[in-house]
């Protein structure tokens, strides 16, 4: 699922499938911080932005695992 082009609803669905709690909230954050560099497959920019909400490493990893730039 592309973090850059998918809709917020599509991202929320992917996050829910990945076991992320409160996927709608996190999908909103993913969309807010677009665009993500295509040459950053680990989504470092997204990880950095999510860190300020202190979601925890497991939640961050689940969010990133469901997405690609």
C-alpha atoms as a PDB file:
ATOM      1  CA  UNK A   1       0.000   0.000   0.000  1.00  0.00           C
ATOM      2  CA  UNK A   2       1.516   3.304  -1.035  1.00  0.00           C
ATOM      3  CA  UNK A   3       1.831   5.836   1.767  1.00  0.00           C
ATOM      4  CA  UNK A   4       1.970   8.532  -0.934  1.00  0.00           C
ATOM      5  CA  UNK A   5      -1.012   7.691  -3.111  1.00  0.00           C
ATOM      6  CA  UNK A   6      -3.481   5.534  -1.164  1.00  0.00           C
ATOM      7  CA  UNK A   7      -6.552   7.184   0.317  1.00  0.00           C
ATOM      8  CA  UNK A   8      -6.820   7.638   4.061  1.00  0.00           C
ATOM      9  CA  UNK A   9      -9.512   4.910   4.150  1.00  0.00           C
ATOM     10  CA  UNK A  10      -7.292   2.504   2.198  1.00  0.00           C
ATOM     11  CA  UNK A  11      -4.395   3.149   4.561  1.00  0.00           C
ATOM     12  CA  UNK A  12      -6.656   2.662   7.594  1.00  0.00           C
ATOM     13  CA  UNK A  13      -7.744  -0.698   6.159  1.00  0.00           C
ATOM     14  CA  UNK A  14      -4.152  -1.776   5.611  1.00  0.00           C
ATOM     15  CA  UNK A  15      -3.203  -0.725   9.136  1.00  0.00           C
ATOM     16  CA  UNK A  16      -6.178  -2.571  10.592  1.00  0.00           C
ATOM     17  CA  UNK A  17      -5.141  -5.704   8.685  1.00  0.00           C
ATOM     18  CA  UNK A  18      -1.626  -5.311  10.121  1.00  0.00           C
ATOM     19  CA  UNK A  19      -3.045  -5.308  13.650  1.00  0.00           C
ATOM     20  CA  UNK A  20      -2.568  -1.612  14.379  1.00  0.00           C
ATOM     21  CA  UNK A  21      -4.899  -0.336  17.089  1.00  0.00           C
ATOM     22  CA  UNK A  22      -6.827   2.842  16.251  1.00  0.00           C
ATOM     23  CA  UNK A  23      -5.954   2.584  12.522  1.00  0.00           C
ATOM     24  CA  UNK A  24      -8.057   5.590  11.483  1.00  0.00           C
ATOM     25  CA  UNK A  25      -6.032   7.912  13.682  1.00  0.00           C
ATOM     26  CA  UNK A  26      -2.714   6.632  12.382  1.00  0.00           C
ATOM     27  CA  UNK A  27      -3.919   6.758   8.755  1.00  0.00           C
ATOM     28  CA  UNK A  28      -4.699  10.432   9.285  1.00  0.00           C
ATOM     29  CA  UNK A  29      -1.107  11.031  10.415  1.00  0.00           C
ATOM     30  CA  UNK A  30       0.326   9.078   7.468  1.00  0.00           C
ATOM     31  CA  UNK A  31      -1.646  11.252   5.027  1.00  0.00           C
ATOM     32  CA  UNK A  32      -0.788  14.483   6.875  1.00  0.00           C
ATOM     33  CA  UNK A  33       2.964  14.054   6.442  1.00  0.00           C
ATOM     34  CA  UNK A  34       3.032  13.212   2.726  1.00  0.00           C
ATOM     35  CA  UNK A  35       4.962  13.049   0.513  1.00  0.00           C
ATOM     36  CA  UNK A  36       7.470  10.359   1.457  1.00  0.00           C
ATOM     37  CA  UNK A  37      10.700   9.968  -0.543  1.00  0.00           C
ATOM     38  CA  UNK A  38      10.579   7.090  -3.043  1.00  0.00           C
ATOM     39  CA  UNK A  39      14.179   6.222  -2.157  1.00  0.00           C
ATOM     40  CA  UNK A  40      13.293   5.617   1.516  1.00  0.00           C
ATOM     41  CA  UNK A  41      11.860   2.069   1.657  1.00  0.00           C
ATOM     42  CA  UNK A  42      12.046   2.040   5.482  1.00  0.00           C
ATOM     43  CA  UNK A  43       9.889   5.178   5.611  1.00  0.00           C
ATOM     44  CA  UNK A  44      12.323   6.997   7.892  1.00  0.00           C
ATOM     45  CA  UNK A  45      10.433  10.271   7.491  1.00  0.00           C
ATOM     46  CA  UNK A  46       7.198   8.614   8.626  1.00  0.00           C
ATOM     47  CA  UNK A  47       8.945   6.936  11.571  1.00  0.00           C
ATOM     48  CA  UNK A  48      10.361  10.311  12.593  1.00  0.00           C
ATOM     49  CA  UNK A  49       6.962  12.019  12.418  1.00  0.00           C
ATOM     50  CA  UNK A  50       5.178   9.226  14.294  1.00  0.00           C
ATOM     51  CA  UNK A  51       7.802   9.284  17.068  1.00  0.00           C
ATOM     52  CA  UNK A  52       6.459  12.573  18.429  1.00  0.00           C
ATOM     53  CA  UNK A  53       3.208  10.745  19.313  1.00  0.00           C
ATOM     54  CA  UNK A  54       5.182   8.054  21.140  1.00  0.00           C
ATOM     55  CA  UNK A  55       3.206   5.138  19.666  1.00  0.00           C
ATOM     56  CA  UNK A  56       5.802   2.594  20.758  1.00  0.00           C
ATOM     57  CA  UNK A  57       8.188   0.593  18.597  1.00  0.00           C
ATOM     58  CA  UNK A  58       5.753  -2.268  17.962  1.00  0.00           C
ATOM     59  CA  UNK A  59       3.000   0.046  16.704  1.00  0.00           C
ATOM     60  CA  UNK A  60       5.427   2.013  14.547  1.00  0.00           C
ATOM     61  CA  UNK A  61       6.783  -1.205  13.037  1.00  0.00           C
ATOM     62  CA  UNK A  62       3.258  -2.442  12.258  1.00  0.00           C
ATOM     63  CA  UNK A  63       2.345   0.853  10.585  1.00  0.00           C
ATOM     64  CA  UNK A  64       5.501   0.861   8.451  1.00  0.00           C
ATOM     65  CA  UNK A  65       5.172  -2.836   7.600  1.00  0.00           C
ATOM     66  CA  UNK A  66       1.792  -2.147   5.996  1.00  0.00           C
ATOM     67  CA  UNK A  67       3.097   0.682   3.807  1.00  0.00           C
ATOM     68  CA  UNK A  68       5.639   1.536   1.144  1.00  0.00           C
ATOM     69  CA  UNK A  69       6.614   4.948  -0.244  1.00  0.00           C
END
